[in-house]
Amino acid sequence: MLKVFITATIISMLALFVQVYFASASQAETKIYKAKCDSLQHVADSLYWELLPTQIEFGRYQVAYEIFAERNPKAAKQYGDIISNETE
């Protein structure tokens, strides 16, 4: 009877050790993925803030083109054709 109890205890301890080992390995992987995710988020944020002035300038050019098109439609059409067909 004592051998059965000792064997059951050893098996239980082994199972607990395996469970703790894999849980700690999973936590380490989670930390690595969290660090990579944070790094990617930092890069995305940096690119957004780097691109923001260009986006603002582009928006201003769009508004200026619309005003230009209202004031001088023929010249605006010529300008649009140049941009679409003659520049690459």
PDB file of N, CA and C in Angstrom:
ATOM      1  N   MET A   1       0.821  -1.189   0.000  1.00  0.00           N
ATOM      2  CA  MET A   1       0.000   0.000   0.000  1.00  0.00           C
ATOM      3  C   MET A   1       0.867   1.256   0.000  1.00  0.00           C
ATOM      4  N   LEU A   2       1.959   1.206   0.734  1.00  0.00           N
ATOM      5  CA  LEU A   2       2.854   2.353   0.800  1.00  0.00           C
ATOM      6  C   LEU A   2       3.494   2.612  -0.552  1.00  0.00           C
ATOM      7  N   LYS A   3       3.811   1.534  -1.309  1.00  0.00           N
ATOM      8  CA  LYS A   3       4.404   1.697  -2.637  1.00  0.00           C
ATOM      9  C   LYS A   3       3.424   2.406  -3.576  1.00  0.00           C
ATOM     10  N   VAL A   4       2.157   2.094  -3.491  1.00  0.00           N
ATOM     11  CA  VAL A   4       1.136   2.716  -4.334  1.00  0.00           C
ATOM     12  C   VAL A   4       1.044   4.198  -3.988  1.00  0.00           C
ATOM     13  N   PHE A   5       1.041   4.499  -2.698  1.00  0.00           N
ATOM     14  CA  PHE A   5       0.966   5.896  -2.264  1.00  0.00           C
ATOM     15  C   PHE A   5       2.192   6.676  -2.734  1.00  0.00           C
ATOM     16  N   ILE A   6       3.378   6.109  -2.591  1.00  0.00           N
ATOM     17  CA  ILE A   6       4.612   6.776  -3.018  1.00  0.00           C
ATOM     18  C   ILE A   6       4.614   6.948  -4.537  1.00  0.00           C
ATOM     19  N   THR A   7       4.186   5.928  -5.261  1.00  0.00           N
ATOM     20  CA  THR A   7       4.134   6.006  -6.721  1.00  0.00           C
ATOM     21  C   THR A   7       3.147   7.088  -7.165  1.00  0.00           C
ATOM     22  N   ALA A   8       1.988   7.139  -6.519  1.00  0.00           N
ATOM     23  CA  ALA A   8       0.977   8.147  -6.846  1.00  0.00           C
ATOM     24  C   ALA A   8       1.502   9.539  -6.536  1.00  0.00           C
ATOM     25  N   THR A   9       2.204   9.678  -5.431  1.00  0.00           N
ATOM     26  CA  THR A   9       2.787  10.972  -5.057  1.00  0.00           C
ATOM     27  C   THR A   9       3.841  11.404  -6.068  1.00  0.00           C
ATOM     28  N   ILE A  10       4.684  10.490  -6.476  1.00  0.00           N
ATOM     29  CA  ILE A  10       5.739  10.808  -7.456  1.00  0.00           C
ATOM     30  C   ILE A  10       5.106  11.207  -8.794  1.00  0.00           C
ATOM     31  N   ILE A  11       4.098  10.463  -9.213  1.00  0.00           N
ATOM     32  CA  ILE A  11       3.415  10.793 -10.479  1.00  0.00           C
ATOM     33  C   ILE A  11       2.742  12.156 -10.380  1.00  0.00           C
ATOM     34  N   SER A  12       2.114  12.438  -9.248  1.00  0.00           N
ATOM     35  CA  SER A  12       1.471  13.741  -9.056  1.00  0.00           C
ATOM     36  C   SER A  12       2.498  14.877  -9.083  1.00  0.00           C
ATOM     37  N   MET A  13       3.631  14.646  -8.420  1.00  0.00           N
ATOM     38  CA  MET A  13       4.674  15.666  -8.395  1.00  0.00           C
ATOM     39  C   MET A  13       5.254  15.881  -9.794  1.00  0.00           C
ATOM     40  N   LEU A  14       5.431  14.800 -10.532  1.00  0.00           N
ATOM     41  CA  LEU A  14       5.932  14.897 -11.898  1.00  0.00           C
ATOM     42  C   LEU A  14       4.946  15.669 -12.783  1.00  0.00           C
ATOM     43  N   ALA A  15       3.660  15.372 -12.634  1.00  0.00           N
ATOM     44  CA  ALA A  15       2.632  16.076 -13.407  1.00  0.00           C
ATOM     45  C   ALA A  15       2.618  17.562 -13.050  1.00  0.00           C
ATOM     46  N   LEU A  16       2.737  17.854 -11.756  1.00  0.00           N
ATOM     47  CA  LEU A  16       2.770  19.251 -11.316  1.00  0.00           C
ATOM     48  C   LEU A  16       4.003  19.965 -11.869  1.00  0.00           C
ATOM     49  N   PHE A  17       5.156  19.283 -11.851  1.00  0.00           N
ATOM     50  CA  PHE A  17       6.374  19.872 -12.394  1.00  0.00           C
ATOM     51  C   PHE A  17       6.213  20.177 -13.883  1.00  0.00           C
ATOM     52  N   VAL A  18       5.672  19.238 -14.647  1.00  0.00           N
ATOM     53  CA  VAL A  18       5.461  19.440 -16.084  1.00  0.00           C
ATOM     54  C   VAL A  18       4.514  20.610 -16.319  1.00  0.00           C
ATOM     55  N   GLN A  19       3.456  20.675 -15.530  1.00  0.00           N
ATOM     56  CA  GLN A  19       2.487  21.768 -15.687  1.00  0.00           C
ATOM     57  C   GLN A  19       3.142  23.115 -15.387  1.00  0.00           C
ATOM     58  N   VAL A  20       3.903  23.207 -14.323  1.00  0.00           N
ATOM     59  CA  VAL A  20       4.583  24.461 -13.965  1.00  0.00           C
ATOM     60  C   VAL A  20       5.619  24.820 -15.022  1.00  0.00           C
ATOM     61  N   TYR A  21       6.351  23.825 -15.513  1.00  0.00           N
ATOM     62  CA  TYR A  21       7.366  24.076 -16.528  1.00  0.00           C
ATOM     63  C   TYR A  21       6.749  24.665 -17.795  1.00  0.00           C
ATOM     64  N   PHE A  22       5.681  24.039 -18.274  1.00  0.00           N
ATOM     65  CA  PHE A  22       5.058  24.538 -19.498  1.00  0.00           C
ATOM     66  C   PHE A  22       4.354  25.874 -19.275  1.00  0.00           C
ATOM     67  N   ALA A  23       3.834  26.105 -18.088  1.00  0.00           N
ATOM     68  CA  ALA A  23       3.206  27.397 -17.785  1.00  0.00           C
ATOM     69  C   ALA A  23       4.259  28.502 -17.794  1.00  0.00           C
ATOM     70  N   SER A  24       5.435  28.235 -17.214  1.00  0.00           N
ATOM     71  CA  SER A  24       6.483  29.266 -17.201  1.00  0.00           C
ATOM     72  C   SER A  24       7.028  29.496 -18.606  1.00  0.00           C
ATOM     73  N   ALA A  25       7.119  28.431 -19.417  1.00  0.00           N
ATOM     74  CA  ALA A  25       7.568  28.593 -20.802  1.00  0.00           C
ATOM     75  C   ALA A  25       6.556  29.418 -21.589  1.00  0.00           C
ATOM     76  N   SER A  26       5.286  29.182 -21.333  1.00  0.00           N
ATOM     77  CA  SER A  26       4.236  29.943 -22.003  1.00  0.00           C
ATOM     78  C   SER A  26       4.292  31.410 -21.596  1.00  0.00           C
ATOM     79  N   GLN A  27       4.544  31.662 -20.312  1.00  0.00           N
ATOM     80  CA  GLN A  27       4.651  33.047 -19.843  1.00  0.00           C
ATOM     81  C   GLN A  27       5.851  33.743 -20.484  1.00  0.00           C
ATOM     82  N   ALA A  28       6.944  33.029 -20.670  1.00  0.00           N
ATOM     83  CA  ALA A  28       8.122  33.619 -21.309  1.00  0.00           C
ATOM     84  C   ALA A  28       7.810  33.966 -22.759  1.00  0.00           C
ATOM     85  N   GLU A  29       7.110  33.062 -23.460  1.00  0.00           N
ATOM     86  CA  GLU A  29       6.712  33.347 -24.839  1.00  0.00           C
ATOM     87  C   GLU A  29       5.780  34.552 -24.887  1.00  0.00           C
ATOM     88  N   THR A  30       4.867  34.637 -23.935  1.00  0.00           N
ATOM     89  CA  THR A  30       3.942  35.768 -23.883  1.00  0.00           C
ATOM     90  C   THR A  30       4.704  37.074 -23.704  1.00  0.00           C
ATOM     91  N   LYS A  31       5.719  37.070 -22.856  1.00  0.00           N
ATOM     92  CA  LYS A  31       6.522  38.282 -22.650  1.00  0.00           C
ATOM     93  C   LYS A  31       7.251  38.671 -23.942  1.00  0.00           C
ATOM     94  N   ILE A  32       7.765  37.670 -24.649  1.00  0.00           N
ATOM     95  CA  ILE A  32       8.470  37.953 -25.910  1.00  0.00           C
ATOM     96  C   ILE A  32       7.506  38.559 -26.925  1.00  0.00           C
ATOM     97  N   TYR A  33       6.323  37.940 -27.066  1.00  0.00           N
ATOM     98  CA  TYR A  33       5.341  38.458 -28.013  1.00  0.00           C
ATOM     99  C   TYR A  33       4.853  39.846 -27.615  1.00  0.00           C
ATOM    100  N   LYS A  34       4.714  40.081 -26.323  1.00  0.00           N
ATOM    101  CA  LYS A  34       4.297  41.401 -25.842  1.00  0.00           C
ATOM    102  C   LYS A  34       5.354  42.438 -26.203  1.00  0.00           C
ATOM    103  N   ALA A  35       6.633  42.094 -26.027  1.00  0.00           N
ATOM    104  CA  ALA A  35       7.714  43.021 -26.361  1.00  0.00           C
ATOM    105  C   ALA A  35       7.722  43.308 -27.863  1.00  0.00           C
ATOM    106  N   LYS A  36       7.520  42.261 -28.683  1.00  0.00           N
ATOM    107  CA  LYS A  36       7.486  42.463 -30.129  1.00  0.00           C
ATOM    108  C   LYS A  36       6.295  43.319 -30.519  1.00  0.00           C
ATOM    109  N   CYS A  37       5.156  43.078 -29.894  1.00  0.00           N
ATOM    110  CA  CYS A  37       3.953  43.861 -30.190  1.00  0.00           C
ATOM    111  C   CYS A  37       4.169  45.329 -29.812  1.00  0.00           C
ATOM    112  N   ASP A  38       4.758  45.565 -28.638  1.00  0.00           N
ATOM    113  CA  ASP A  38       5.048  46.932 -28.210  1.00  0.00           C
ATOM    114  C   ASP A  38       6.007  47.609 -29.184  1.00  0.00           C
ATOM    115  N   SER A  39       7.000  46.860 -29.647  1.00  0.00           N
ATOM    116  CA  SER A  39       7.970  47.407 -30.592  1.00  0.00           C
ATOM    117  C   SER A  39       7.284  47.785 -31.905  1.00  0.00           C
ATOM    118  N   LEU A  40       6.419  46.902 -32.404  1.00  0.00           N
ATOM    119  CA  LEU A  40       5.694  47.198 -33.644  1.00  0.00           C
ATOM    120  C   LEU A  40       4.763  48.394 -33.471  1.00  0.00           C
ATOM    121  N   GLN A  41       4.128  48.496 -32.310  1.00  0.00           N
ATOM    122  CA  GLN A  41       3.251  49.636 -32.055  1.00  0.00           C
ATOM    123  C   GLN A  41       4.054  50.930 -32.037  1.00  0.00           C
ATOM    124  N   HIS A  42       5.243  50.877 -31.450  1.00  0.00           N
ATOM    125  CA  HIS A  42       6.118  52.059 -31.419  1.00  0.00           C
ATOM    126  C   HIS A  42       6.506  52.478 -32.845  1.00  0.00           C
ATOM    127  N   VAL A  43       6.835  51.502 -33.684  1.00  0.00           N
ATOM    128  CA  VAL A  43       7.190  51.808 -35.073  1.00  0.00           C
ATOM    129  C   VAL A  43       5.997  52.414 -35.800  1.00  0.00           C
ATOM    130  N   ALA A  44       4.807  51.837 -35.608  1.00  0.00           N
ATOM    131  CA  ALA A  44       3.602  52.356 -36.265  1.00  0.00           C
ATOM    132  C   ALA A  44       3.317  53.786 -35.808  1.00  0.00           C
ATOM    133  N   ASP A  45       3.438  54.038 -34.510  1.00  0.00           N
ATOM    134  CA  ASP A  45       3.219  55.390 -33.994  1.00  0.00           C
ATOM    135  C   ASP A  45       4.242  56.366 -34.568  1.00  0.00           C
ATOM    136  N   SER A  46       5.497  55.946 -34.629  1.00  0.00           N
ATOM    137  CA  SER A  46       6.545  56.810 -35.170  1.00  0.00           C
ATOM    138  C   SER A  46       6.276  57.152 -36.631  1.00  0.00           C
ATOM    139  N   LEU A  47       5.866  56.145 -37.404  1.00  0.00           N
ATOM    140  CA  LEU A  47       5.575  56.388 -38.819  1.00  0.00           C
ATOM    141  C   LEU A  47       4.378  57.312 -38.979  1.00  0.00           C
ATOM    142  N   TYR A  48       3.375  57.140 -38.124  1.00  0.00           N
ATOM    143  CA  TYR A  48       2.207  58.020 -38.192  1.00  0.00           C
ATOM    144  C   TYR A  48       2.624  59.474 -37.957  1.00  0.00           C
ATOM    145  N   TRP A  49       3.389  59.708 -36.906  1.00  0.00           N
ATOM    146  CA  TRP A  49       3.772  61.079 -36.585  1.00  0.00           C
ATOM    147  C   TRP A  49       4.766  61.649 -37.600  1.00  0.00           C
ATOM    148  N   GLU A  50       5.538  60.774 -38.231  1.00  0.00           N
ATOM    149  CA  GLU A  50       6.452  61.238 -39.269  1.00  0.00           C
ATOM    150  C   GLU A  50       5.678  61.614 -40.534  1.00  0.00           C
ATOM    151  N   LEU A  51       4.595  60.912 -40.807  1.00  0.00           N
ATOM    152  CA  LEU A  51       3.809  61.139 -42.009  1.00  0.00           C
ATOM    153  C   LEU A  51       2.807  62.281 -41.846  1.00  0.00           C
ATOM    154  N   LEU A  52       2.457  62.633 -40.624  1.00  0.00           N
ATOM    155  CA  LEU A  52       1.420  63.633 -40.373  1.00  0.00           C
ATOM    156  C   LEU A  52       1.666  64.969 -41.085  1.00  0.00           C
ATOM    157  N   PRO A  53       2.858  65.568 -41.022  1.00  0.00           N
ATOM    158  CA  PRO A  53       3.055  66.840 -41.731  1.00  0.00           C
ATOM    159  C   PRO A  53       2.826  66.720 -43.241  1.00  0.00           C
ATOM    160  N   THR A  54       3.219  65.594 -43.818  1.00  0.00           N
ATOM    161  CA  THR A  54       3.008  65.374 -45.254  1.00  0.00           C
ATOM    162  C   THR A  54       1.527  65.261 -45.567  1.00  0.00           C
ATOM    163  N   GLN A  55       0.784  64.580 -44.703  1.00  0.00           N
ATOM    164  CA  GLN A  55      -0.664  64.459 -44.901  1.00  0.00           C
ATOM    165  C   GLN A  55      -1.344  65.826 -44.818  1.00  0.00           C
ATOM    166  N   ILE A  56      -0.905  66.643 -43.890  1.00  0.00           N
ATOM    167  CA  ILE A  56      -1.474  67.989 -43.754  1.00  0.00           C
ATOM    168  C   ILE A  56      -1.166  68.806 -45.002  1.00  0.00           C
ATOM    169  N   GLU A  57       0.069  68.756 -45.468  1.00  0.00           N
ATOM    170  CA  GLU A  57       0.445  69.498 -46.668  1.00  0.00           C
ATOM    171  C   GLU A  57      -0.347  69.019 -47.883  1.00  0.00           C
ATOM    172  N   PHE A  58      -0.522  67.702 -48.017  1.00  0.00           N
ATOM    173  CA  PHE A  58      -1.298  67.149 -49.125  1.00  0.00           C
ATOM    174  C   PHE A  58      -2.744  67.639 -49.073  1.00  0.00           C
ATOM    175  N   GLY A  59      -3.316  67.672 -47.882  1.00  0.00           N
ATOM    176  CA  GLY A  59      -4.679  68.177 -47.724  1.00  0.00           C
ATOM    177  C   GLY A  59      -4.790  69.637 -48.140  1.00  0.00           C
ATOM    178  N   ARG A  60      -3.785  70.421 -47.815  1.00  0.00           N
ATOM    179  CA  ARG A  60      -3.788  71.830 -48.212  1.00  0.00           C
ATOM    180  C   ARG A  60      -3.713  71.968 -49.735  1.00  0.00           C
ATOM    181  N   TYR A  61      -2.905  71.116 -50.374  1.00  0.00           N
ATOM    182  CA  TYR A  61      -2.825  71.143 -51.837  1.00  0.00           C
ATOM    183  C   TYR A  61      -4.161  70.743 -52.463  1.00  0.00           C
ATOM    184  N   GLN A  62      -4.853  69.782 -51.875  1.00  0.00           N
ATOM    185  CA  GLN A  62      -6.151  69.377 -52.402  1.00  0.00           C
ATOM    186  C   GLN A  62      -7.156  70.527 -52.319  1.00  0.00           C
ATOM    187  N   VAL A  63      -7.188  71.198 -51.197  1.00  0.00           N
ATOM    188  CA  VAL A  63      -8.102  72.334 -51.027  1.00  0.00           C
ATOM    189  C   VAL A  63      -7.738  73.446 -52.008  1.00  0.00           C
ATOM    190  N   ALA A  64      -6.449  73.719 -52.154  1.00  0.00           N
ATOM    191  CA  ALA A  64      -6.008  74.761 -53.088  1.00  0.00           C
ATOM    192  C   ALA A  64      -6.395  74.403 -54.519  1.00  0.00           C
ATOM    193  N   TYR A  65      -6.282  73.122 -54.879  1.00  0.00           N
ATOM    194  CA  TYR A  65      -6.653  72.688 -56.229  1.00  0.00           C
ATOM    195  C   TYR A  65      -8.160  72.868 -56.449  1.00  0.00           C
ATOM    196  N   GLU A  66      -8.962  72.544 -55.452  1.00  0.00           N
ATOM    197  CA  GLU A  66     -10.412  72.729 -55.573  1.00  0.00           C
ATOM    198  C   GLU A  66     -10.763  74.209 -55.758  1.00  0.00           C
ATOM    199  N   ILE A  67     -10.103  75.081 -55.013  1.00  0.00           N
ATOM    200  CA  ILE A  67     -10.339  76.523 -55.165  1.00  0.00           C
ATOM    201  C   ILE A  67      -9.899  76.965 -56.556  1.00  0.00           C
ATOM    202  N   PHE A  68      -8.753  76.471 -56.998  1.00  0.00           N
ATOM    203  CA  PHE A  68      -8.237  76.795 -58.321  1.00  0.00           C
ATOM    204  C   PHE A  68      -9.218  76.329 -59.403  1.00  0.00           C
ATOM    205  N   ALA A  69      -9.790  75.127 -59.215  1.00  0.00           N
ATOM    206  CA  ALA A  69     -10.743  74.585 -60.190  1.00  0.00           C
ATOM    207  C   ALA A  69     -12.007  75.432 -60.264  1.00  0.00           C
ATOM    208  N   GLU A  70     -12.428  75.996 -59.127  1.00  0.00           N
ATOM    209  CA  GLU A  70     -13.605  76.876 -59.131  1.00  0.00           C
ATOM    210  C   GLU A  70     -13.310  78.187 -59.853  1.00  0.00           C
ATOM    211  N   ARG A  71     -12.125  78.722 -59.657  1.00  0.00           N
ATOM    212  CA  ARG A  71     -11.779  80.025 -60.227  1.00  0.00           C
ATOM    213  C   ARG A  71     -11.384  79.942 -61.697  1.00  0.00           C
ATOM    214  N   ASN A  72     -10.714  78.859 -62.088  1.00  0.00           N
ATOM    215  CA  ASN A  72     -10.230  78.734 -63.455  1.00  0.00           C
ATOM    216  C   ASN A  72     -10.327  77.266 -63.885  1.00  0.00           C
ATOM    217  N   PRO A  73     -11.542  76.823 -64.262  1.00  0.00           N
ATOM    218  CA  PRO A  73     -11.742  75.404 -64.574  1.00  0.00           C
ATOM    219  C   PRO A  73     -10.879  74.902 -65.728  1.00  0.00           C
ATOM    220  N   LYS A  74     -10.667  75.715 -66.742  1.00  0.00           N
ATOM    221  CA  LYS A  74      -9.895  75.279 -67.905  1.00  0.00           C
ATOM    222  C   LYS A  74      -8.437  74.998 -67.502  1.00  0.00           C
ATOM    223  N   ALA A  75      -7.840  75.912 -66.764  1.00  0.00           N
ATOM    224  CA  ALA A  75      -6.462  75.727 -66.312  1.00  0.00           C
ATOM    225  C   ALA A  75      -6.358  74.558 -65.327  1.00  0.00           C
ATOM    226  N   ALA A  76      -7.373  74.384 -64.485  1.00  0.00           N
ATOM    227  CA  ALA A  76      -7.366  73.274 -63.538  1.00  0.00           C
ATOM    228  C   ALA A  76      -7.436  71.940 -64.283  1.00  0.00           C
ATOM    229  N   LYS A  77      -8.214  71.891 -65.363  1.00  0.00           N
ATOM    230  CA  LYS A  77      -8.282  70.672 -66.167  1.00  0.00           C
ATOM    231  C   LYS A  77      -6.927  70.390 -66.808  1.00  0.00           C
ATOM    232  N   GLN A  78      -6.284  71.432 -67.335  1.00  0.00           N
ATOM    233  CA  GLN A  78      -4.951  71.249 -67.913  1.00  0.00           C
ATOM    234  C   GLN A  78      -3.975  70.731 -66.856  1.00  0.00           C
ATOM    235  N   TYR A  79      -4.009  71.317 -65.697  1.00  0.00           N
ATOM    236  CA  TYR A  79      -3.132  70.904 -64.605  1.00  0.00           C
ATOM    237  C   TYR A  79      -3.403  69.446 -64.235  1.00  0.00           C
ATOM    238  N   GLY A  80      -4.669  69.077 -64.122  1.00  0.00           N
ATOM    239  CA  GLY A  80      -5.044  67.686 -63.820  1.00  0.00           C
ATOM    240  C   GLY A  80      -4.546  66.721 -64.875  1.00  0.00           C
ATOM    241  N   ASP A  81      -4.656  67.128 -66.158  1.00  0.00           N
ATOM    242  CA  ASP A  81      -4.162  66.270 -67.230  1.00  0.00           C
ATOM    243  C   ASP A  81      -2.641  66.101 -67.150  1.00  0.00           C
ATOM    244  N   ILE A  82      -1.947  67.165 -66.846  1.00  0.00           N
ATOM    245  CA  ILE A  82      -0.483  67.088 -66.709  1.00  0.00           C
ATOM    246  C   ILE A  82      -0.119  66.134 -65.586  1.00  0.00           C
ATOM    247  N   ILE A  83      -0.772  66.281 -64.447  1.00  0.00           N
ATOM    248  CA  ILE A  83      -0.481  65.420 -63.295  1.00  0.00           C
ATOM    249  C   ILE A  83      -0.798  63.958 -63.634  1.00  0.00           C
ATOM    250  N   SER A  84      -1.923  63.715 -64.305  1.00  0.00           N
ATOM    251  CA  SER A  84      -2.344  62.350 -64.588  1.00  0.00           C
ATOM    252  C   SER A  84      -1.535  61.682 -65.697  1.00  0.00           C
ATOM    253  N   ASN A  85      -1.187  62.430 -66.731  1.00  0.00           N
ATOM    254  CA  ASN A  85      -0.628  61.807 -67.930  1.00  0.00           C
ATOM    255  C   ASN A  85       0.860  62.035 -68.158  1.00  0.00           C
ATOM    256  N   GLU A  86       1.382  63.136 -67.675  1.00  0.00           N
ATOM    257  CA  GLU A  86       2.736  63.513 -68.063  1.00  0.00           C
ATOM    258  C   GLU A  86       3.779  63.395 -66.956  1.00  0.00           C
ATOM    259  N   THR A  87       3.370  62.982 -65.788  1.00  0.00           N
ATOM    260  CA  THR A  87       4.340  62.848 -64.707  1.00  0.00           C
ATOM    261  C   THR A  87       4.297  61.421 -64.178  1.00  0.00           C
ATOM    262  N   GLU A  88       5.448  60.901 -63.875  1.00  0.00           N
ATOM    263  CA  GLU A  88       5.538  59.551 -63.289  1.00  0.00           C
ATOM    264  C   GLU A  88       6.686  59.479 -62.341  1.00  0.00           C
TER     265      GLU A  88
END
